[in-house]
Amino acid sequence: MPRRPDGTKSGLAYSVALCLVVTFAAPWHVEDTAAEDLAAHAPTSLKEEMFVQIGGIPQWITIKGDDRDNPVVLFLHGGPGDTLSPYADAMYGGWEKDFTLVQWDQRGAGRTYGKTGPSIESTMTMDRMVQDGVEVAEFLTKHLSKKKIIIEGGSWGSILGIYMIHTRPDLFCAYVGIAQMVNWQENLSASYDRVLQMARVSGDQESIKALAAIGPPPWDSIKKWPVYRKLEQAYQAKLVTAPPAPLKLSPEYASPGERAQYEAADDFSFVHFWGLTLAGPLTKVDLPALGTNLSIPIFIIQGQEDLTAVPELARCYFDSIKAPQKRFYLVPGTGHEPSATSLDLMMKVLIEQVRPFAEG
């Protein structure tokens, strides 16, 4: 998912606002009781920004939507440190008419990291992150008076989302995976092979030598990662033809201090979830090992040209899943990052395929 500016403004006052908007007009007289009834059923918009106590620490959550009665979508960002909050208005703002949208800066990321700093180092574990996600879902169901919510996870968030489903399926009415990761080591090996193949086809001797120097994964040093990542991104850019997703930064996240803090959080999350020897929690992920019987509908949207979460692995995992309903979508011309095309498809899937489960 997109890389965001980092950090929390110190001294910022965060407000929690609930706006009740009631507008109606008629040329005839409306009895007081009728007016009260209309007001009681008018849409209640939501715009809340707050720290919520999750997993023993304050974690940053925003809730936005035009109608409180709409289904709730909890977005699980990638990284683990790549929060979506700074870009959410540009990417998803138009969705607020149909859904209540929740952004959450996970443990060690964004404004949550800005509040705690590195003091949470010892708690950066898979189990703790999954339990955090469950607690956020529990908070949302109570706070917004919902029985269940929708979760949408991208990249690392697609891993976290599957773990959450296995842990507490009763909290969720459907799952939408974007750039679905499956097994970190297998994903990396498949990606390395494809980049090497592309370099050979294009006669790119410099890239071939660089890839040969670090050798195929698994790797035991974080120093090898940026060498490979630079080449992967270069070849990814050559494959992507779909128009990019809108990544305009929201003004409240644009200060130099905010950006610096978000960068610090990104580095912190990378070190503790990837590890200096690439042996951190993320490198041990193997979703099929959790089991493939899932009790909620599953929808996976994959970029056809994704070199990070290669679509072949995602499709193989999808085919193994047993679920009440499942659909797999391949987006042409799209890589690992969301495109305008994939965002349009995500919205279409949410409205046409997912929403009925939230309303049922």
Protein backbone atom coordinates (compact mmCIF):
# COMPACT_ATOMS: atom_id res chain seq x y z
CA MET A 1 0.00 0.00 0.00
CA PRO A 2 1.16 3.61 -0.45
CA ARG A 3 3.90 4.98 1.73
CA ARG A 4 2.66 7.84 3.91
CA PRO A 5 4.15 10.76 5.79
CA ASP A 6 4.99 9.96 9.35
CA GLY A 7 4.46 11.18 12.81
CA THR A 8 1.98 12.78 15.12
CA LYS A 9 1.92 16.51 15.74
CA SER A 10 2.81 17.02 19.37
CA GLY A 11 0.24 19.09 21.15
CA LEU A 12 -2.45 18.51 18.55
CA ALA A 13 -5.93 18.58 19.96
CA TYR A 14 -7.92 15.74 18.50
CA SER A 15 -11.65 16.22 18.38
CA VAL A 16 -14.47 13.74 18.33
CA ALA A 17 -17.40 15.18 16.41
CA LEU A 18 -20.78 13.71 15.64
CA CYS A 19 -22.81 15.85 13.25
CA LEU A 20 -26.55 15.46 13.04
CA VAL A 21 -27.81 16.95 9.81
CA VAL A 22 -31.54 17.20 9.30
CA THR A 23 -32.84 19.02 6.23
CA PHE A 24 -36.39 18.94 4.93
CA ALA A 25 -38.82 21.45 3.57
CA ALA A 26 -42.45 21.31 2.46
CA PRO A 27 -45.06 23.87 1.42
CA TRP A 28 -47.56 22.35 3.81
CA HIS A 29 -47.82 22.36 7.59
CA VAL A 30 -46.03 19.50 9.36
CA GLU A 31 -47.26 18.48 12.78
CA ASP A 32 -44.65 18.57 15.55
CA THR A 33 -44.86 14.81 16.03
CA ALA A 34 -44.32 14.23 12.32
CA ALA A 35 -41.33 16.58 12.31
CA GLU A 36 -39.85 14.80 15.27
CA ASP A 37 -40.34 11.46 13.52
CA LEU A 38 -38.61 12.76 10.38
CA ALA A 39 -35.72 14.11 12.44
CA ALA A 40 -35.37 10.82 14.26
CA HIS A 41 -34.96 8.95 10.97
CA ALA A 42 -32.73 11.47 9.20
CA PRO A 43 -29.23 10.31 8.27
CA THR A 44 -26.63 10.95 10.94
CA SER A 45 -23.21 11.69 9.51
CA LEU A 46 -20.01 10.71 11.29
CA LYS A 47 -16.64 12.40 11.51
CA GLU A 48 -14.68 11.15 14.49
CA GLU A 49 -10.92 11.28 15.04
CA MET A 50 -9.60 9.91 18.29
CA PHE A 51 -7.20 7.76 20.24
CA VAL A 52 -8.84 4.60 21.54
CA GLN A 53 -7.30 2.36 24.19
CA ILE A 54 -6.49 -0.84 22.29
CA GLY A 55 -4.17 -3.55 23.59
CA GLY A 56 -3.16 -1.39 26.53
CA ILE A 57 -2.03 1.61 24.44
CA PRO A 58 -3.76 4.56 22.74
CA GLN A 59 -4.27 3.84 19.03
CA TRP A 60 -5.39 6.32 16.38
CA ILE A 61 -8.75 5.72 14.67
CA THR A 62 -10.84 7.84 12.30
CA ILE A 63 -14.49 7.15 11.47
CA LYS A 64 -16.18 8.93 8.57
CA GLY A 65 -19.48 8.42 6.80
CA ASP A 66 -22.64 10.18 5.61
CA ASP A 67 -25.06 7.88 7.39
CA ARG A 68 -24.47 6.08 10.66
CA ASP A 69 -26.80 3.29 9.52
CA ASN A 70 -24.51 2.31 6.63
CA PRO A 71 -22.30 -0.80 6.84
CA VAL A 72 -18.87 -0.29 8.43
CA VAL A 73 -15.62 -0.99 6.57
CA LEU A 74 -12.43 -1.32 8.63
CA PHE A 75 -9.33 -0.79 6.48
CA LEU A 76 -6.19 -2.71 7.44
CA HIS A 77 -3.17 -0.91 6.04
CA GLY A 78 0.00 -2.49 4.72
CA GLY A 79 3.59 -2.22 5.79
CA PRO A 80 3.04 -3.04 8.69
CA GLY A 81 3.95 0.67 9.04
CA ASP A 82 2.29 2.12 5.91
CA THR A 83 -0.80 3.81 7.30
CA LEU A 84 -3.62 4.85 4.98
CA SER A 85 -4.98 7.67 7.15
CA PRO A 86 -3.11 10.52 5.40
CA TYR A 87 -4.42 9.50 1.96
CA ALA A 88 -7.83 8.09 2.88
CA ASP A 89 -9.89 11.17 1.98
CA ALA A 90 -8.45 11.28 -1.55
CA MET A 91 -8.67 7.53 -2.11
CA TYR A 92 -11.96 6.65 -0.44
CA GLY A 93 -13.78 9.90 0.32
CA GLY A 94 -16.47 9.25 -2.29
CA TRP A 95 -17.32 5.97 -0.60
CA GLU A 96 -18.69 7.71 2.50
CA LYS A 97 -22.13 7.93 0.89
CA ASP A 98 -22.54 4.16 1.02
CA PHE A 99 -20.28 3.05 3.89
CA THR A 100 -18.88 4.19 7.20
CA LEU A 101 -15.11 4.13 6.67
CA VAL A 102 -12.65 3.39 9.48
CA GLN A 103 -8.92 4.00 9.26
CA TRP A 104 -6.71 2.60 12.02
CA ASP A 105 -3.03 3.39 12.56
CA GLN A 106 -1.82 0.03 13.82
CA ARG A 107 0.59 -0.58 16.69
CA GLY A 108 3.97 0.91 15.77
CA ALA A 109 2.54 2.94 12.87
CA GLY A 110 1.47 6.51 12.17
CA ARG A 111 -0.04 8.53 14.96
CA THR A 112 -0.26 5.47 17.17
CA TYR A 113 3.54 5.26 17.10
CA GLY A 114 3.67 9.01 17.59
CA LYS A 115 1.78 8.59 20.86
CA THR A 116 3.80 5.66 22.23
CA GLY A 117 7.21 5.98 20.61
CA PRO A 118 9.49 2.93 20.65
CA SER A 119 8.38 1.89 24.16
CA ILE A 120 6.15 -0.80 22.60
CA GLU A 121 9.09 -2.62 21.01
CA SER A 122 8.61 -5.83 23.00
CA THR A 123 4.92 -6.02 21.99
CA MET A 124 5.52 -6.06 18.22
CA THR A 125 4.37 -9.65 17.75
CA MET A 126 1.91 -11.31 15.42
CA ASP A 127 -0.34 -12.41 18.27
CA ARG A 128 -0.49 -8.90 19.71
CA MET A 129 -1.23 -7.30 16.34
CA VAL A 130 -4.05 -9.79 15.67
CA GLN A 131 -5.54 -9.20 19.10
CA ASP A 132 -5.32 -5.43 18.52
CA GLY A 133 -7.33 -5.90 15.32
CA VAL A 134 -9.95 -7.94 17.16
CA GLU A 135 -10.21 -5.27 19.87
CA VAL A 136 -10.65 -2.55 17.24
CA ALA A 137 -13.46 -4.58 15.65
CA GLU A 138 -15.09 -5.09 19.05
CA PHE A 139 -14.88 -1.37 19.75
CA LEU A 140 -16.47 -0.52 16.41
CA THR A 141 -19.37 -2.94 16.80
CA LYS A 142 -20.20 -1.44 20.20
CA HIS A 143 -19.48 2.19 19.33
CA LEU A 144 -21.45 2.10 16.07
CA SER A 145 -24.13 -0.38 17.21
CA LYS A 146 -23.31 -3.02 14.61
CA LYS A 147 -23.45 -6.78 14.93
CA LYS A 148 -20.67 -7.25 12.39
CA ILE A 149 -18.37 -5.20 10.18
CA ILE A 150 -16.56 -5.59 6.85
CA ILE A 151 -12.77 -5.80 6.81
CA GLU A 152 -10.63 -4.79 3.86
CA GLY A 153 -6.92 -5.57 4.07
CA GLY A 154 -4.13 -4.75 1.65
CA SER A 155 -0.66 -6.35 1.45
CA TRP A 156 0.40 -6.81 5.11
CA GLY A 157 -3.20 -5.88 5.98
CA SER A 158 -4.38 -8.88 3.94
CA ILE A 159 -2.33 -11.12 6.22
CA LEU A 160 -3.65 -9.46 9.37
CA GLY A 161 -7.22 -9.70 8.06
CA ILE A 162 -7.05 -13.46 7.49
CA TYR A 163 -5.60 -13.95 10.98
CA MET A 164 -8.45 -11.87 12.44
CA ILE A 165 -11.05 -13.94 10.58
CA HIS A 166 -9.62 -17.15 11.96
CA THR A 167 -9.56 -15.67 15.47
CA ARG A 168 -13.03 -14.06 15.65
CA PRO A 169 -15.17 -14.79 12.58
CA ASP A 170 -18.29 -13.74 14.50
CA LEU A 171 -17.22 -10.08 14.28
CA PHE A 172 -17.14 -9.92 10.48
CA CYS A 173 -19.72 -10.19 7.71
CA ALA A 174 -17.21 -10.31 4.82
CA TYR A 175 -13.53 -9.95 3.95
CA VAL A 176 -12.01 -8.13 0.97
CA GLY A 177 -8.32 -8.81 0.34
CA ILE A 178 -6.26 -6.46 -1.83
CA ALA A 179 -2.81 -7.57 -3.05
CA GLN A 180 -3.32 -10.73 -1.01
CA MET A 181 -0.16 -12.05 0.57
CA VAL A 182 -0.05 -15.77 1.33
CA ASN A 183 3.39 -16.98 2.43
CA TRP A 184 6.15 -14.36 2.72
CA GLN A 185 9.02 -16.66 1.77
CA GLU A 186 7.16 -18.15 -1.19
CA ASN A 187 6.01 -14.71 -2.33
CA LEU A 188 9.57 -13.39 -2.22
CA SER A 189 11.01 -16.39 -4.06
CA ALA A 190 8.39 -16.19 -6.80
CA SER A 191 8.97 -12.46 -7.13
CA TYR A 192 12.75 -12.87 -7.35
CA ASP A 193 12.38 -15.50 -10.07
CA ARG A 194 10.08 -13.30 -12.13
CA VAL A 195 12.31 -10.20 -11.86
CA LEU A 196 15.35 -12.27 -12.83
CA GLN A 197 13.47 -13.69 -15.80
CA MET A 198 12.45 -10.20 -16.92
CA ALA A 199 16.04 -8.98 -16.60
CA ARG A 200 17.28 -11.87 -18.73
CA VAL A 201 14.62 -11.30 -21.42
CA SER A 202 15.53 -7.62 -21.63
CA GLY A 203 19.27 -8.31 -21.60
CA ASP A 204 19.72 -6.20 -18.46
CA GLN A 205 23.18 -7.42 -17.45
CA GLU A 206 23.54 -4.95 -14.59
CA SER A 207 20.36 -6.19 -12.89
CA ILE A 208 21.28 -9.83 -13.57
CA LYS A 209 24.63 -9.31 -11.84
CA ALA A 210 23.00 -7.56 -8.86
CA LEU A 211 20.48 -10.37 -8.45
CA ALA A 212 23.20 -13.00 -8.72
CA ALA A 213 25.28 -11.17 -6.10
CA ILE A 214 22.56 -11.38 -3.43
CA GLY A 215 21.40 -14.81 -4.62
CA PRO A 216 17.86 -16.16 -4.44
CA PRO A 217 15.97 -15.97 -1.14
CA PRO A 218 15.72 -16.86 1.67
CA TRP A 219 18.13 -14.17 2.82
CA ASP A 220 19.71 -13.71 6.23
CA SER A 221 20.55 -10.01 6.09
CA ILE A 222 18.38 -6.95 5.78
CA LYS A 223 21.10 -5.39 3.60
CA LYS A 224 20.04 -7.60 0.70
CA TRP A 225 16.47 -6.35 0.77
CA PRO A 226 17.00 -2.79 -0.61
CA VAL A 227 19.17 -4.18 -3.42
CA TYR A 228 16.35 -6.42 -4.54
CA ARG A 229 13.55 -3.96 -3.77
CA LYS A 230 15.05 -1.31 -6.05
CA LEU A 231 15.09 -3.74 -8.98
CA GLU A 232 11.61 -5.08 -8.21
CA GLN A 233 10.14 -1.58 -8.18
CA ALA A 234 11.90 -0.66 -11.42
CA TYR A 235 10.46 -3.67 -13.22
CA GLN A 236 7.07 -3.19 -11.56
CA ALA A 237 6.92 0.32 -13.02
CA LYS A 238 7.48 -1.11 -16.51
CA LEU A 239 4.51 -3.46 -16.13
CA VAL A 240 1.94 -1.02 -14.71
CA THR A 241 -0.33 0.60 -17.29
CA ALA A 242 -3.45 1.36 -15.22
CA PRO A 243 -3.88 4.98 -14.04
CA PRO A 244 -2.55 5.51 -10.50
CA ALA A 245 -4.78 5.83 -7.47
CA PRO A 246 -5.26 9.39 -6.14
CA LEU A 247 -2.66 9.87 -3.41
CA LYS A 248 -3.28 13.46 -2.39
CA LEU A 249 -2.13 14.08 1.15
CA SER A 250 -4.74 15.39 3.60
CA PRO A 251 -3.64 18.80 4.94
CA GLU A 252 -3.73 17.70 8.59
CA TYR A 253 -0.99 15.15 7.87
CA ALA A 254 1.23 17.45 5.82
CA SER A 255 3.45 19.17 8.40
CA PRO A 256 7.19 18.35 8.38
CA GLY A 257 6.93 17.00 11.92
CA GLU A 258 4.06 14.72 10.96
CA ARG A 259 5.91 13.39 7.93
CA ALA A 260 9.11 12.79 9.90
CA GLN A 261 7.24 10.91 12.58
CA TYR A 262 5.47 8.70 10.05
CA GLU A 263 8.81 7.85 8.47
CA ALA A 264 10.21 6.94 11.87
CA ALA A 265 7.21 4.68 12.50
CA ASP A 266 7.66 3.01 9.13
CA ASP A 267 11.31 2.23 9.90
CA PHE A 268 10.39 0.99 13.38
CA SER A 269 7.71 -1.37 12.06
CA PHE A 270 9.98 -2.64 9.30
CA VAL A 271 12.81 -3.52 11.68
CA HIS A 272 10.55 -5.26 14.19
CA PHE A 273 8.34 -7.17 11.76
CA TRP A 274 10.93 -8.02 9.11
CA GLY A 275 13.97 -8.19 11.38
CA LEU A 276 17.63 -7.32 10.77
CA THR A 277 18.28 -10.90 9.67
CA LEU A 278 14.93 -11.15 7.85
CA ALA A 279 13.65 -13.56 10.46
CA GLY A 280 10.92 -11.37 11.98
CA PRO A 281 7.24 -12.32 12.42
CA LEU A 282 6.28 -11.30 8.89
CA THR A 283 8.82 -13.62 7.30
CA LYS A 284 7.21 -16.63 8.98
CA VAL A 285 3.69 -16.01 7.66
CA ASP A 286 2.01 -19.00 6.01
CA LEU A 287 -1.75 -18.45 5.66
CA PRO A 288 -2.66 -21.96 4.40
CA ALA A 289 -1.20 -23.37 7.62
CA LEU A 290 -3.95 -21.56 9.54
CA GLY A 291 -6.55 -23.65 7.73
CA THR A 292 -8.61 -22.99 4.63
CA ASN A 293 -12.15 -23.34 6.00
CA LEU A 294 -13.46 -19.79 6.42
CA SER A 295 -16.96 -19.07 7.66
CA ILE A 296 -17.50 -15.68 6.00
CA PRO A 297 -17.61 -14.55 2.34
CA ILE A 298 -14.16 -13.91 0.83
CA PHE A 299 -13.37 -11.50 -2.01
CA ILE A 300 -9.83 -11.11 -3.33
CA ILE A 301 -8.74 -8.36 -5.74
CA GLN A 302 -5.28 -8.85 -7.23
CA GLY A 303 -3.15 -6.76 -9.57
CA GLN A 304 -2.31 -8.86 -12.62
CA GLU A 305 1.22 -7.39 -12.68
CA ASP A 306 1.89 -7.53 -8.92
CA LEU A 307 5.53 -8.46 -8.30
CA THR A 308 5.23 -8.39 -4.49
CA ALA A 309 2.09 -10.43 -3.93
CA VAL A 310 2.30 -12.51 -7.08
CA PRO A 311 -1.22 -13.32 -8.35
CA GLU A 312 -0.46 -17.00 -8.97
CA LEU A 313 0.08 -17.64 -5.25
CA ALA A 314 -2.98 -15.61 -4.30
CA ARG A 315 -5.09 -17.57 -6.78
CA CYS A 316 -3.79 -20.91 -5.51
CA TYR A 317 -4.65 -19.91 -1.94
CA PHE A 318 -8.08 -18.67 -3.05
CA ASP A 319 -8.81 -21.96 -4.83
CA SER A 320 -8.03 -23.86 -1.62
CA ILE A 321 -10.45 -21.81 0.48
CA LYS A 322 -13.87 -23.11 1.46
CA ALA A 323 -16.24 -20.21 2.23
CA PRO A 324 -20.00 -19.42 2.02
CA GLN A 325 -19.19 -17.33 -1.03
CA LYS A 326 -15.92 -16.35 -2.69
CA ARG A 327 -14.84 -14.36 -5.73
CA PHE A 328 -11.41 -13.67 -7.25
CA TYR A 329 -10.73 -10.61 -9.39
CA LEU A 330 -7.63 -9.93 -11.50
CA VAL A 331 -7.01 -6.27 -12.40
CA PRO A 332 -5.10 -5.78 -15.68
CA GLY A 333 -2.24 -3.28 -15.75
CA THR A 334 -2.12 -3.03 -11.95
CA GLY A 335 0.83 -3.86 -9.72
CA HIS A 336 1.12 -4.06 -5.95
CA GLU A 337 -0.06 -0.53 -5.24
CA PRO A 338 -3.73 0.30 -5.84
CA SER A 339 -4.66 1.85 -9.18
CA ALA A 340 -7.66 3.98 -10.07
CA THR A 341 -8.97 0.88 -11.85
CA SER A 342 -8.61 -1.34 -8.80
CA LEU A 343 -10.24 1.28 -6.55
CA ASP A 344 -13.25 1.43 -8.88
CA LEU A 345 -13.49 -2.35 -8.79
CA MET A 346 -13.17 -2.40 -4.99
CA MET A 347 -16.10 -0.01 -4.68
CA LYS A 348 -18.17 -2.03 -7.14
CA VAL A 349 -17.47 -5.24 -5.23
CA LEU A 350 -18.34 -3.61 -1.91
CA ILE A 351 -21.67 -2.28 -3.18
CA GLU A 352 -22.80 -5.19 -5.33
CA GLN A 353 -21.25 -8.24 -3.63
CA VAL A 354 -20.40 -7.34 -0.04
CA ARG A 355 -23.08 -4.93 1.11
CA PRO A 356 -25.91 -7.52 0.97
CA PHE A 357 -24.07 -9.59 3.58
CA ALA A 358 -23.73 -6.55 5.84
CA GLU A 359 -27.43 -5.78 5.55
CA GLY A 360 -28.65 -9.36 5.85
